[in-house]
Amino acid sequence: MRLPRLTAFAMTIAMASALPAVADPIPDPTATEADDAVVIAVVDSGFSPYHLDFRADLMPQHLDGDPSNDLPLDTDPADWLPGYADAVGVASTGAIDLTLTTDTSVPIEQLEDADNAHDQLPQSSAGDVHMRHIPGTKIVGALDFGGGTDGFFGANNSHGNGTSTVSAGTIHGTCPECLVVLIRYGGDDREAASNWAMNQPWIDVVTNSFGFSTLMRDRIYDGSNTDLQRQASERGQTIFFSAGNGQANAFVAPNTTYQSSQEGPDWIITVGATDTDGREYTGTGKAADISSIGTGYPAGYGGATINGSGNFSGTSNATPVAAGTYARALYDLRTAMAGPSRIQHDGVISVGDLSCGTAVADCAVADSEVDATEMRFGFLHAASQTDPGLRPGQVGVTTPAVDEVEYASEGHGTLFGRLPDNFRWLEEVAAVVEPLTGVRAPLDRPQAEHDWFVVDSWCRQEIHGGWDGGYWVEGETELPTVSGPLTTAMATACPTVFGALNALGTDDAADGPEQLDRG
């Protein structure tokens, strides 16, 4: 059948506490310090900043014997990180002084008590934001929107320590070169943390491994400021959200992502999970844009000391692993492009002269700039589909998956990150960067995949509003002829059923319980 061409409609969501959208910053051609830096914001629960994964002196730039690329992480980032001094909506800044020991036998809790660490970070709210940096670490921003008594600081097994170490950790992260902003969310306005991050042009990537629901992991929710999400994405920031681990967090019965204002919009990169062999779980959130590992992934998650480690799992793990891979590719791209390449303005995210390689004469860098749309498609198209097969929960059996089920479950494919070794991870990063710079041709993508994602993009825009950065562009893209059961159902469900459910569920969804994807 041929899908109908319908006019996209936006679900306008009023967020009284949301920060106003910020204008694009004007590029500064004279900037020279840290001009290639990439900043990841991790929005999650408590963090353990004493962990070696955050140590500045263990970053690759500081270990390569070249002092010219070291970052002055003992000093205020406002003095050297472009854009930081202009952070939006910040009432106060400063430093948190921590005891950064090399003694791996001392419990983190003991260090935290001696430093009175909890007293050094004021609680933030949507209208009263306090940001601190932590000298001697890669943590250029620490914020606590959480409320309650738990505070920003947590043990190694805090959920946020898993997500932050696999994305930006110096030991376990897929972008060990990246700087990180750690943001604890929660409190009376649970969207305030994400909204603040999206308003910051100096933050390149935002990764979110949580999701709100009306009942039990259903991900029916429309309390997000989708206009702010879209504006941030159009400015050049890339936002990742976990697809969810299915109903009851059990990896068995899937949850939909379309009906969520966090995972559903077309401008969000939604991440599913596969096992270490690349097989999709039946119960992860669907549809997804890309996948990564959802079980047994090494992280700074476990133990009680500064070198504690353990396995992290779920789409909670898959999302920051993918986000870090994107960020590392952006870092490599910026370092390859001459001059002060760090930028986020009107969609452009990297600038500088660089000749295209011989494989692609008219590559993305040919015009001396790369925009976020080019980068995101380059990222998605670097992933490879794994062998079809679905795992029900943690059961070790698989069933065949047809194309559209494969695309809904795994997205464009799986990124394995730093599992099982660094070589695979670096090859995944190269698969993003080298087609953009013309060093190699992009991977061939099947027509069935393209058709699926055109319909998927159209569906998401029917529910959450249109934009020009997806597979579907209103007035330009022709919807393909499709016959699969999922795409046929989407032709009716996207503009009618999903939209109606979200419209009816607005009030209940806004008061629903928060849910974390814990693997």
Protein backbone atom coordinates (compact mmCIF):
# COMPACT_ATOMS: atom_id res chain seq x y z
CA MET A 1 0.00 0.00 0.00
CA ARG A 2 1.02 3.63 -0.37
CA LEU A 3 0.92 5.63 2.83
CA PRO A 4 -1.21 8.78 2.75
CA ARG A 5 0.54 12.12 2.63
CA LEU A 6 -0.78 13.99 5.63
CA THR A 7 0.14 17.38 6.99
CA ALA A 8 2.30 17.01 10.08
CA PHE A 9 0.94 18.49 13.30
CA ALA A 10 2.75 19.55 16.42
CA MET A 11 1.77 18.56 19.94
CA THR A 12 2.35 21.84 21.75
CA ILE A 13 3.29 21.26 25.37
CA ALA A 14 3.22 24.10 27.87
CA MET A 15 6.08 23.95 30.36
CA ALA A 16 5.70 26.82 32.80
CA SER A 17 9.08 26.16 34.38
CA ALA A 18 11.04 25.69 31.15
CA LEU A 19 13.90 28.01 30.38
CA PRO A 20 13.48 30.24 27.32
CA ALA A 21 15.15 29.07 24.15
CA VAL A 22 18.57 30.59 23.57
CA ALA A 23 19.76 32.19 20.38
CA ASP A 24 22.59 30.65 18.39
CA PRO A 25 25.96 31.90 19.61
CA ILE A 26 28.01 33.94 17.17
CA PRO A 27 31.18 32.06 16.16
CA ASP A 28 34.41 33.52 17.47
CA PRO A 29 37.08 33.06 14.80
CA THR A 30 39.82 34.13 17.22
CA ALA A 31 39.16 31.38 19.79
CA THR A 32 42.24 29.25 20.21
CA GLU A 33 42.00 27.45 23.57
CA ALA A 34 40.31 24.03 23.74
CA ASP A 35 38.84 24.74 20.31
CA ASP A 36 38.31 21.06 19.53
CA ALA A 37 36.82 20.05 22.90
CA VAL A 38 33.61 18.01 22.98
CA VAL A 39 31.31 18.17 26.00
CA ILE A 40 28.86 15.42 26.97
CA ALA A 41 26.08 16.11 29.48
CA VAL A 42 24.82 13.06 31.40
CA VAL A 43 21.38 13.53 32.96
CA ASP A 44 20.83 10.85 35.59
CA SER A 45 20.88 10.02 39.29
CA GLY A 46 23.86 10.26 41.68
CA PHE A 47 27.49 10.22 40.54
CA SER A 48 30.85 9.26 42.04
CA PRO A 49 33.29 11.97 40.87
CA TYR A 50 36.16 10.50 42.89
CA HIS A 51 36.35 7.60 40.44
CA LEU A 52 39.46 7.29 38.28
CA ASP A 53 37.24 7.38 35.21
CA PHE A 54 36.95 11.14 35.75
CA ARG A 55 40.58 11.94 36.47
CA ALA A 56 42.07 14.64 34.24
CA ASP A 57 45.58 13.20 34.36
CA LEU A 58 44.34 9.92 32.88
CA MET A 59 42.74 11.48 29.79
CA PRO A 60 44.43 10.44 26.52
CA GLN A 61 45.44 14.05 25.83
CA HIS A 62 47.39 14.08 29.10
CA LEU A 63 49.06 10.72 28.54
CA ASP A 64 50.27 11.12 24.96
CA GLY A 65 53.45 13.04 25.79
CA ASP A 66 52.27 16.13 23.89
CA PRO A 67 51.64 18.97 26.35
CA SER A 68 50.14 21.18 23.65
CA ASN A 69 46.81 19.34 23.73
CA ASP A 70 46.49 19.11 27.52
CA LEU A 71 43.50 20.88 29.02
CA PRO A 72 43.90 23.17 32.07
CA LEU A 73 41.47 21.16 34.17
CA ASP A 74 42.81 22.54 37.45
CA THR A 75 41.40 25.95 36.55
CA ASP A 76 37.98 27.49 35.97
CA PRO A 77 36.54 26.32 32.61
CA ALA A 78 35.13 29.82 32.11
CA ASP A 79 38.71 30.92 31.42
CA TRP A 80 39.45 28.43 28.63
CA LEU A 81 36.41 26.45 27.39
CA PRO A 82 34.62 28.39 24.61
CA GLY A 83 30.99 29.08 25.49
CA TYR A 84 31.22 28.02 29.13
CA ALA A 85 31.33 31.55 30.54
CA ASP A 86 28.05 32.28 28.76
CA ALA A 87 26.18 29.33 30.27
CA VAL A 88 22.46 30.11 30.22
CA GLY A 89 20.43 30.56 33.38
CA VAL A 90 23.23 29.99 35.90
CA ALA A 91 22.92 31.86 39.20
CA SER A 92 26.30 30.81 40.62
CA THR A 93 29.45 28.96 39.64
CA GLY A 94 32.55 27.81 41.48
CA ALA A 95 34.66 24.80 42.33
CA ILE A 96 34.11 21.66 44.38
CA ASP A 97 37.37 20.74 46.07
CA LEU A 98 37.77 16.98 46.34
CA THR A 99 40.58 14.81 47.64
CA LEU A 100 41.82 13.05 44.50
CA THR A 101 43.95 10.31 45.94
CA THR A 102 45.88 7.60 44.13
CA ASP A 103 45.26 5.19 47.02
CA THR A 104 42.90 2.61 45.56
CA SER A 105 42.18 1.11 48.98
CA VAL A 106 40.43 4.13 50.49
CA PRO A 107 36.61 3.91 50.31
CA ILE A 108 34.97 6.71 48.35
CA GLU A 109 32.48 7.22 51.17
CA GLN A 110 35.36 8.04 53.52
CA LEU A 111 36.75 10.63 51.09
CA GLU A 112 33.34 12.17 50.61
CA ASP A 113 32.73 12.52 54.35
CA ALA A 114 36.15 14.09 54.92
CA ASP A 115 35.57 16.61 52.11
CA ASN A 116 32.02 17.48 53.23
CA ALA A 117 31.29 16.97 49.55
CA HIS A 118 27.50 17.14 49.83
CA ASP A 119 27.71 20.68 51.20
CA GLN A 120 29.68 22.00 48.24
CA LEU A 121 26.94 21.78 45.58
CA PRO A 122 23.77 23.85 46.13
CA GLN A 123 20.54 22.37 44.87
CA SER A 124 19.25 23.80 41.61
CA SER A 125 15.77 24.40 40.32
CA ALA A 126 14.45 25.66 36.99
CA GLY A 127 14.75 29.26 38.16
CA ASP A 128 17.82 28.97 40.39
CA VAL A 129 20.69 27.06 38.77
CA HIS A 130 24.03 26.43 40.48
CA MET A 131 26.91 24.89 38.57
CA ARG A 132 30.28 23.78 39.92
CA HIS A 133 33.41 22.35 38.27
CA ILE A 134 35.70 19.84 39.95
CA PRO A 135 39.41 20.70 39.57
CA GLY A 136 41.66 17.80 38.63
CA THR A 137 38.81 15.99 36.86
CA LYS A 138 37.18 16.18 33.44
CA ILE A 139 33.95 17.25 35.19
CA VAL A 140 33.54 20.81 33.95
CA GLY A 141 30.01 21.02 35.32
CA ALA A 142 28.16 19.43 38.24
CA LEU A 143 24.52 20.30 38.93
CA ASP A 144 21.89 18.90 41.30
CA PHE A 145 18.25 19.30 40.30
CA GLY A 146 17.33 16.21 42.29
CA GLY A 147 15.75 17.42 45.49
CA GLY A 148 15.50 15.29 48.58
CA THR A 149 18.42 14.28 50.80
CA ASP A 150 20.36 11.91 48.53
CA GLY A 151 22.25 14.70 46.79
CA PHE A 152 24.46 14.70 43.71
CA PHE A 153 27.09 12.39 45.19
CA GLY A 154 26.57 8.65 45.06
CA ALA A 155 28.37 5.36 45.27
CA ASN A 156 30.00 3.68 42.29
CA ASN A 157 26.83 1.65 41.80
CA SER A 158 24.73 4.78 41.36
CA HIS A 159 22.89 4.55 38.07
CA GLY A 160 24.48 7.81 36.93
CA ASN A 161 27.96 6.45 37.54
CA GLY A 162 27.26 3.67 35.08
CA THR A 163 25.97 5.99 32.37
CA SER A 164 28.70 8.60 32.79
CA THR A 165 31.64 6.20 32.88
CA VAL A 166 30.65 4.26 29.75
CA SER A 167 30.17 7.49 27.79
CA ALA A 168 32.93 9.84 28.97
CA GLY A 169 35.02 7.83 31.41
CA THR A 170 38.77 7.91 30.87
CA ILE A 171 38.98 4.14 31.46
CA HIS A 172 35.65 2.74 30.24
CA GLY A 173 34.14 5.52 28.12
CA THR A 174 33.68 5.53 24.37
CA CYS A 175 34.88 9.14 24.45
CA PRO A 176 37.72 9.25 26.98
CA GLU A 177 38.88 12.53 25.39
CA CYS A 178 35.56 14.22 26.16
CA LEU A 179 34.68 16.62 28.94
CA VAL A 180 31.56 15.90 30.95
CA VAL A 181 28.76 17.73 32.72
CA LEU A 182 27.04 15.59 35.34
CA ILE A 183 23.43 16.61 36.04
CA ARG A 184 21.28 14.97 38.67
CA TYR A 185 17.60 15.19 37.75
CA GLY A 186 14.38 14.84 39.75
CA GLY A 187 12.68 17.04 42.32
CA ASP A 188 9.48 18.99 41.81
CA ASP A 189 10.29 19.76 38.16
CA ARG A 190 11.74 16.55 36.80
CA GLU A 191 12.21 18.04 33.33
CA ALA A 192 14.30 21.00 34.57
CA ALA A 193 17.63 19.18 34.30
CA SER A 194 17.11 18.15 30.67
CA ASN A 195 15.71 21.56 29.77
CA TRP A 196 18.74 23.33 31.21
CA ALA A 197 21.15 21.05 29.32
CA MET A 198 19.32 21.62 26.03
CA ASN A 199 19.65 25.39 26.48
CA GLN A 200 23.47 25.23 26.55
CA PRO A 201 25.17 25.72 23.14
CA TRP A 202 28.52 24.79 24.68
CA ILE A 203 27.23 21.27 25.44
CA ASP A 204 27.51 19.09 22.33
CA VAL A 205 25.79 15.87 23.38
CA VAL A 206 23.11 15.09 25.98
CA THR A 207 22.54 11.47 27.03
CA ASN A 208 19.48 10.40 29.00
CA SER A 209 19.01 6.85 30.34
CA PHE A 210 15.61 7.24 31.94
CA GLY A 211 12.01 7.60 30.87
CA PHE A 212 8.69 8.62 32.36
CA SER A 213 5.50 6.59 32.08
CA THR A 214 1.85 6.71 33.05
CA LEU A 215 1.73 3.18 34.47
CA MET A 216 4.43 0.51 34.29
CA ARG A 217 7.25 1.16 31.82
CA ASP A 218 4.73 1.94 29.11
CA ARG A 219 6.52 5.16 28.06
CA ILE A 220 3.25 6.93 27.33
CA TYR A 221 4.26 10.44 28.34
CA ASP A 222 4.02 13.91 26.88
CA GLY A 223 5.41 16.20 29.56
CA SER A 224 8.61 17.21 27.72
CA ASN A 225 9.32 20.52 26.07
CA THR A 226 9.53 19.16 22.53
CA ASP A 227 9.90 22.66 21.05
CA LEU A 228 13.06 23.16 23.11
CA GLN A 229 14.34 19.72 22.06
CA ARG A 230 13.85 20.61 18.41
CA GLN A 231 15.49 24.03 18.77
CA ALA A 232 18.52 22.45 20.48
CA SER A 233 18.79 19.84 17.73
CA GLU A 234 18.48 22.45 15.00
CA ARG A 235 21.17 24.53 16.72
CA GLY A 236 23.51 21.52 16.58
CA GLN A 237 23.20 19.71 19.89
CA THR A 238 22.52 15.97 19.63
CA ILE A 239 20.21 14.39 22.20
CA PHE A 240 20.14 10.67 22.99
CA PHE A 241 17.39 8.84 24.90
CA SER A 242 17.17 5.21 25.94
CA ALA A 243 14.39 3.26 24.24
CA GLY A 244 13.48 1.39 27.43
CA ASN A 245 13.78 -2.19 28.58
CA GLY A 246 10.17 -3.13 27.95
CA GLN A 247 7.20 -3.57 30.21
CA ALA A 248 8.22 -4.14 33.84
CA ASN A 249 11.83 -3.63 32.76
CA ALA A 250 11.91 -7.33 31.85
CA PHE A 251 13.20 -7.33 28.22
CA VAL A 252 10.20 -9.51 27.23
CA ALA A 253 7.19 -7.40 26.19
CA PRO A 254 8.25 -4.22 24.36
CA ASN A 255 7.20 -0.67 25.07
CA THR A 256 6.50 1.76 22.26
CA THR A 257 8.73 4.79 21.86
CA TYR A 258 6.40 6.72 19.57
CA GLN A 259 4.06 7.82 22.36
CA SER A 260 6.83 9.32 24.48
CA SER A 261 7.82 12.97 24.22
CA GLN A 262 11.30 11.86 25.34
CA GLU A 263 12.03 9.01 22.91
CA GLY A 264 9.41 9.68 20.25
CA PRO A 265 10.34 12.94 18.48
CA ASP A 266 12.22 12.60 15.21
CA TRP A 267 14.97 14.93 16.44
CA ILE A 268 15.92 12.53 19.27
CA ILE A 269 18.32 9.61 18.69
CA THR A 270 16.57 6.70 20.38
CA VAL A 271 18.81 3.81 21.41
CA GLY A 272 17.83 0.15 21.78
CA ALA A 273 19.83 -2.74 23.20
CA THR A 274 21.29 -5.97 21.86
CA ASP A 275 23.24 -8.74 23.53
CA THR A 276 26.98 -9.17 23.08
CA ASP A 277 26.34 -11.18 19.89
CA GLY A 278 24.22 -8.38 18.45
CA ARG A 279 20.85 -10.10 18.86
CA GLU A 280 17.96 -7.78 19.71
CA TYR A 281 15.85 -8.32 22.78
CA THR A 282 12.15 -8.78 22.14
CA GLY A 283 11.35 -6.45 25.03
CA THR A 284 13.42 -3.36 24.36
CA GLY A 285 11.65 -0.17 23.34
CA LYS A 286 10.58 0.02 19.70
CA ALA A 287 11.13 1.74 17.39
CA ALA A 288 14.83 2.62 17.82
CA ASP A 289 17.31 4.53 15.67
CA ILE A 290 20.43 2.60 16.66
CA SER A 291 21.49 0.03 19.27
CA SER A 292 24.37 -0.87 21.51
CA ILE A 293 25.15 -3.47 24.15
CA GLY A 294 22.51 -4.09 26.82
CA THR A 295 24.18 -6.71 28.97
CA GLY A 296 27.47 -7.30 30.77
CA TYR A 297 29.23 -4.11 29.63
CA PRO A 298 32.37 -3.07 31.58
CA ALA A 299 31.91 0.21 33.48
CA GLY A 300 33.05 2.15 36.52
CA TYR A 301 29.98 0.68 38.19
CA GLY A 302 30.69 -1.36 41.29
CA GLY A 303 33.06 -1.63 44.20
CA ALA A 304 33.62 1.04 46.84
CA THR A 305 36.96 2.58 45.85
CA ILE A 306 38.25 4.93 43.18
CA ASN A 307 39.03 2.07 40.77
CA GLY A 308 35.84 0.07 41.32
CA SER A 309 34.36 -1.61 38.28
CA GLY A 310 31.61 -3.96 37.23
CA ASN A 311 29.10 -4.69 34.50
CA PHE A 312 26.39 -2.25 33.41
CA SER A 313 23.37 -3.25 31.35
CA GLY A 314 20.10 -2.35 29.67
CA THR A 315 19.29 0.47 27.31
CA SER A 316 20.68 2.55 30.17
CA ASN A 317 24.10 1.29 29.08
CA ALA A 318 23.46 1.18 25.35
CA THR A 319 22.49 4.85 25.18
CA PRO A 320 25.61 6.46 26.72
CA VAL A 321 27.86 4.01 24.85
CA ALA A 322 26.29 5.22 21.59
CA ALA A 323 26.37 8.86 22.71
CA GLY A 324 30.06 8.58 23.56
CA THR A 325 30.82 7.01 20.18
CA TYR A 326 29.11 9.93 18.45
CA ALA A 327 31.02 12.39 20.66
CA ARG A 328 34.38 10.71 19.98
CA ALA A 329 33.70 10.90 16.24
CA LEU A 330 32.91 14.60 16.61
CA TYR A 331 36.15 15.09 18.56
CA ASP A 332 38.15 13.36 15.82
CA LEU A 333 36.41 15.46 13.18
CA ARG A 334 37.14 18.72 14.99
CA THR A 335 40.78 17.86 15.54
CA ALA A 336 41.13 17.02 11.84
CA MET A 337 39.60 20.33 10.69
CA ALA A 338 42.13 23.16 10.94
CA GLY A 339 41.65 26.11 13.27
CA PRO A 340 39.14 26.76 16.05
CA SER A 341 36.67 24.12 14.96
CA ARG A 342 34.54 23.98 18.13
CA ILE A 343 31.18 25.57 17.30
CA GLN A 344 27.43 25.07 17.59
CA HIS A 345 25.67 27.66 15.48
CA ASP A 346 22.71 27.37 13.14
CA GLY A 347 23.28 23.63 12.84
CA VAL A 348 27.02 23.82 12.16
CA ILE A 349 29.08 21.83 14.66
CA SER A 350 32.60 21.81 13.21
CA VAL A 351 34.50 24.24 10.96
CA GLY A 352 37.93 24.42 9.38
CA ASP A 353 39.78 23.63 6.19
CA LEU A 354 40.25 19.95 5.35
CA SER A 355 40.61 18.40 1.92
CA CYS A 356 38.36 15.48 1.05
CA GLY A 357 40.02 12.12 0.65
CA THR A 358 40.10 10.33 -2.67
CA ALA A 359 37.19 8.01 -1.92
CA VAL A 360 34.53 10.77 -1.83
CA ALA A 361 35.42 13.90 -3.79
CA ASP A 362 32.45 15.94 -2.58
CA CYS A 363 32.50 14.85 1.05
CA ALA A 364 30.92 16.65 4.01
CA VAL A 365 34.02 18.74 4.80
CA ALA A 366 34.34 20.08 1.25
CA ASP A 367 32.65 23.35 2.25
CA SER A 368 34.88 23.68 5.35
CA GLU A 369 32.05 22.93 7.75
CA VAL A 370 30.01 19.98 8.97
CA ASP A 371 26.48 20.39 10.23
CA ALA A 372 24.62 18.25 12.72
CA THR A 373 22.42 16.59 10.09
CA GLU A 374 25.48 15.38 8.17
CA MET A 375 27.06 14.18 11.40
CA ARG A 376 23.98 12.34 12.64
CA PHE A 377 23.37 10.55 9.35
CA GLY A 378 27.08 9.71 9.19
CA PHE A 379 26.80 8.27 12.69
CA LEU A 380 23.66 6.23 12.03
CA HIS A 381 25.00 4.94 8.73
CA ALA A 382 28.22 3.73 10.35
CA ALA A 383 26.33 1.04 12.27
CA SER A 384 25.92 -2.42 10.75
CA GLN A 385 22.90 -4.67 11.07
CA THR A 386 23.71 -7.83 12.95
CA ASP A 387 22.40 -11.29 12.11
CA PRO A 388 18.61 -11.33 12.50
CA GLY A 389 17.44 -12.85 15.72
CA LEU A 390 15.30 -11.89 18.71
CA ARG A 391 15.90 -12.91 22.31
CA PRO A 392 12.89 -13.06 24.64
CA GLY A 393 14.23 -11.53 27.85
CA GLN A 394 17.47 -13.10 29.00
CA VAL A 395 16.60 -16.47 27.45
CA GLY A 396 19.35 -17.90 25.28
CA VAL A 397 17.15 -18.82 22.31
CA THR A 398 16.54 -16.71 19.24
CA THR A 399 13.86 -16.42 16.61
CA PRO A 400 14.23 -15.04 13.09
CA ALA A 401 13.29 -11.41 12.51
CA VAL A 402 11.96 -9.97 9.26
CA ASP A 403 13.40 -6.71 7.93
CA GLU A 404 10.95 -4.26 9.47
CA VAL A 405 11.07 -5.98 12.86
CA GLU A 406 14.85 -5.88 12.67
CA TYR A 407 14.82 -2.15 11.91
CA ALA A 408 12.27 -1.41 14.63
CA SER A 409 14.30 -3.36 17.19
CA GLU A 410 17.89 -2.58 16.25
CA GLY A 411 17.53 0.60 14.22
CA HIS A 412 20.39 1.09 11.77
CA GLY A 413 22.50 -1.48 13.57
CA THR A 414 24.57 -2.14 16.67
CA LEU A 415 27.61 -0.32 18.03
CA PHE A 416 29.69 -2.59 20.26
CA GLY A 417 31.72 0.16 21.91
CA ARG A 418 34.65 -0.98 24.01
CA LEU A 419 33.39 -4.53 24.05
CA PRO A 420 35.21 -6.81 23.59
CA ASP A 421 38.29 -4.69 22.82
CA ASN A 422 39.38 -1.21 21.80
CA PHE A 423 39.99 -2.12 18.18
CA ARG A 424 36.32 -2.62 17.38
CA TRP A 425 35.39 0.64 19.10
CA LEU A 426 37.99 2.66 17.20
CA GLU A 427 36.85 1.11 13.93
CA GLU A 428 33.28 2.18 14.71
CA VAL A 429 34.48 5.75 15.29
CA ALA A 430 36.45 5.65 12.02
CA ALA A 431 33.36 4.39 10.19
CA VAL A 432 31.64 7.64 11.19
CA VAL A 433 34.49 10.07 10.48
CA GLU A 434 36.13 8.69 7.35
CA PRO A 435 33.09 8.91 5.03
CA LEU A 436 32.54 12.50 6.23
CA THR A 437 36.14 13.35 5.33
CA GLY A 438 36.15 11.34 2.08
CA VAL A 439 38.73 8.81 3.22
CA ARG A 440 36.34 5.95 2.56
CA ALA A 441 32.94 5.55 0.97
CA PRO A 442 29.97 5.19 3.29
CA LEU A 443 28.56 1.74 3.91
CA ASP A 444 25.95 0.56 1.44
CA ARG A 445 22.51 0.74 3.05
CA PRO A 446 19.65 -1.51 1.90
CA GLN A 447 16.61 0.07 0.28
CA ALA A 448 14.32 -1.66 2.79
CA GLU A 449 16.12 0.14 5.62
CA HIS A 450 15.73 3.51 3.90
CA ASP A 451 12.02 2.89 3.30
CA TRP A 452 11.48 1.87 6.93
CA PHE A 453 13.13 5.00 8.28
CA VAL A 454 11.26 7.30 5.91
CA VAL A 455 8.00 5.90 7.30
CA ASP A 456 9.37 5.97 10.85
CA SER A 457 10.41 9.62 10.46
CA TRP A 458 7.02 10.53 8.99
CA CYS A 459 5.28 8.74 11.86
CA ARG A 460 7.25 10.57 14.54
CA GLN A 461 6.60 13.92 12.88
CA GLU A 462 2.88 13.19 12.65
CA ILE A 463 2.82 12.76 16.42
CA HIS A 464 5.36 15.29 17.68
CA GLY A 465 5.72 17.88 14.92
CA GLY A 466 7.72 18.40 11.78
CA TRP A 467 11.34 19.31 11.17
CA ASP A 468 13.82 19.21 8.30
CA GLY A 469 16.56 17.02 9.77
CA GLY A 470 15.05 13.56 9.37
CA TYR A 471 14.42 11.02 6.64
CA TRP A 472 11.03 12.59 6.04
CA VAL A 473 10.80 16.25 5.01
CA GLU A 474 7.33 17.62 4.39
CA GLY A 475 6.85 18.63 0.77
CA GLU A 476 10.11 17.02 -0.36
CA THR A 477 10.05 13.34 0.57
CA GLU A 478 7.89 10.80 -1.22
CA LEU A 479 6.57 8.08 1.05
CA PRO A 480 7.48 4.64 -0.27
CA THR A 481 5.14 1.87 -1.24
CA VAL A 482 5.12 -0.56 1.68
CA SER A 483 3.45 -3.87 2.45
CA GLY A 484 4.85 -5.04 5.79
CA PRO A 485 2.47 -5.42 8.77
CA LEU A 486 4.27 -2.85 10.92
CA THR A 487 4.49 -0.13 8.29
CA THR A 488 0.91 -0.80 7.21
CA ALA A 489 -0.28 -0.41 10.81
CA MET A 490 1.78 2.76 11.23
CA ALA A 491 -0.10 4.37 8.33
CA THR A 492 -3.19 4.48 10.53
CA ALA A 493 -1.77 4.49 14.03
CA CYS A 494 0.68 7.38 13.77
CA PRO A 495 -1.64 10.24 12.85
CA THR A 496 -4.73 8.91 14.64
CA VAL A 497 -4.32 6.37 17.41
CA PHE A 498 -0.96 7.52 18.83
CA GLY A 499 -1.85 11.17 18.54
CA ALA A 500 -5.23 10.65 20.21
CA LEU A 501 -3.73 8.64 23.08
CA ASN A 502 -1.17 11.31 23.75
CA ALA A 503 -3.77 14.06 23.62
CA LEU A 504 -6.02 12.17 26.05
CA GLY A 505 -3.15 11.24 28.36
CA THR A 506 -1.62 14.70 28.80
CA ASP A 507 -2.74 15.37 32.36
CA ASP A 508 -2.15 11.85 33.66
CA ALA A 509 1.22 11.58 31.95
CA ALA A 510 2.45 14.76 33.56
CA ASP A 511 1.86 13.24 37.00
CA GLY A 512 3.05 9.73 36.21
CA PRO A 513 5.85 7.96 38.09
CA GLU A 514 9.40 8.37 36.88
CA GLN A 515 11.09 5.26 35.59
CA LEU A 516 14.78 4.50 35.18
CA ASP A 517 16.01 1.93 32.69
CA ARG A 518 17.96 -0.37 34.95
CA GLY A 519 19.42 -3.41 33.26
